[in-house]
Amino acid sequence: MTELAKQPVDLALDTAPISGSLKELVQIVNGHPQHVLIVSDFASAAELLLPASD
């Protein structure tokens, strides 16, 4: 994702089916879990203390 953006990524929106990629998304947004919004993998989001849509 950062290669495509060609600059730092500030926010990430995860709409994919459960895939186990949430840790990588947090890394992509420079380790700021509050910059990742989850709309599908609520169990993993809760484990990683990521914000999730209701």
Protein backbone atom coordinates (compact mmCIF):
# COMPACT_ATOMS: atom_id res chain seq x y z
CA MET A 1 0.00 0.00 0.00
CA THR A 2 2.79 2.44 0.86
CA GLU A 3 4.47 1.70 -2.46
CA LEU A 4 1.28 2.62 -4.29
CA ALA A 5 0.80 5.79 -2.25
CA LYS A 6 4.46 6.82 -2.69
CA GLN A 7 4.17 8.59 0.66
CA PRO A 8 3.30 7.65 4.25
CA VAL A 9 -0.21 6.26 4.75
CA ASP A 10 -2.26 8.09 7.40
CA LEU A 11 -5.47 6.02 7.52
CA ALA A 12 -6.59 2.52 6.54
CA LEU A 13 -10.08 1.10 6.05
CA ASP A 14 -10.38 -2.70 6.24
CA THR A 15 -13.43 -4.01 4.38
CA ALA A 16 -11.98 -7.35 3.33
CA PRO A 17 -13.21 -10.69 4.64
CA ILE A 18 -11.39 -12.00 7.69
CA SER A 19 -7.82 -12.51 6.52
CA GLY A 20 -5.50 -11.90 9.46
CA SER A 21 -3.98 -8.78 7.89
CA LEU A 22 -4.90 -6.28 10.60
CA LYS A 23 -1.45 -6.28 12.21
CA GLU A 24 0.05 -5.38 8.84
CA LEU A 25 -2.43 -2.52 8.42
CA VAL A 26 -1.36 -1.11 11.78
CA GLN A 27 2.26 -1.27 10.62
CA ILE A 28 1.35 0.51 7.37
CA VAL A 29 -0.14 3.45 9.32
CA ASN A 30 3.07 3.81 11.34
CA GLY A 31 1.89 1.75 14.32
CA HIS A 32 -1.17 3.87 15.13
CA PRO A 33 -4.06 1.41 15.67
CA GLN A 34 -6.52 4.30 15.99
CA HIS A 35 -5.83 5.05 12.30
CA VAL A 36 -7.34 1.73 11.13
CA LEU A 37 -11.13 1.30 10.86
CA ILE A 38 -12.51 -2.25 10.67
CA VAL A 39 -15.87 -3.18 9.15
CA SER A 40 -15.56 -6.96 9.01
CA ASP A 41 -13.13 -8.70 11.41
CA PHE A 42 -14.49 -7.52 14.76
CA ALA A 43 -12.88 -10.28 16.84
CA SER A 44 -9.38 -9.43 15.63
CA ALA A 45 -10.10 -5.73 15.94
CA ALA A 46 -11.01 -6.18 19.60
CA GLU A 47 -7.80 -8.19 20.22
CA LEU A 48 -5.68 -5.44 18.68
CA LEU A 49 -7.71 -2.60 20.25
CA LEU A 50 -8.63 -1.26 16.81
CA PRO A 51 -11.71 0.89 16.23
CA ALA A 52 -14.54 -1.01 14.54
CA SER A 53 -17.74 0.16 12.94
CA ASP A 54 -20.96 -1.02 14.54
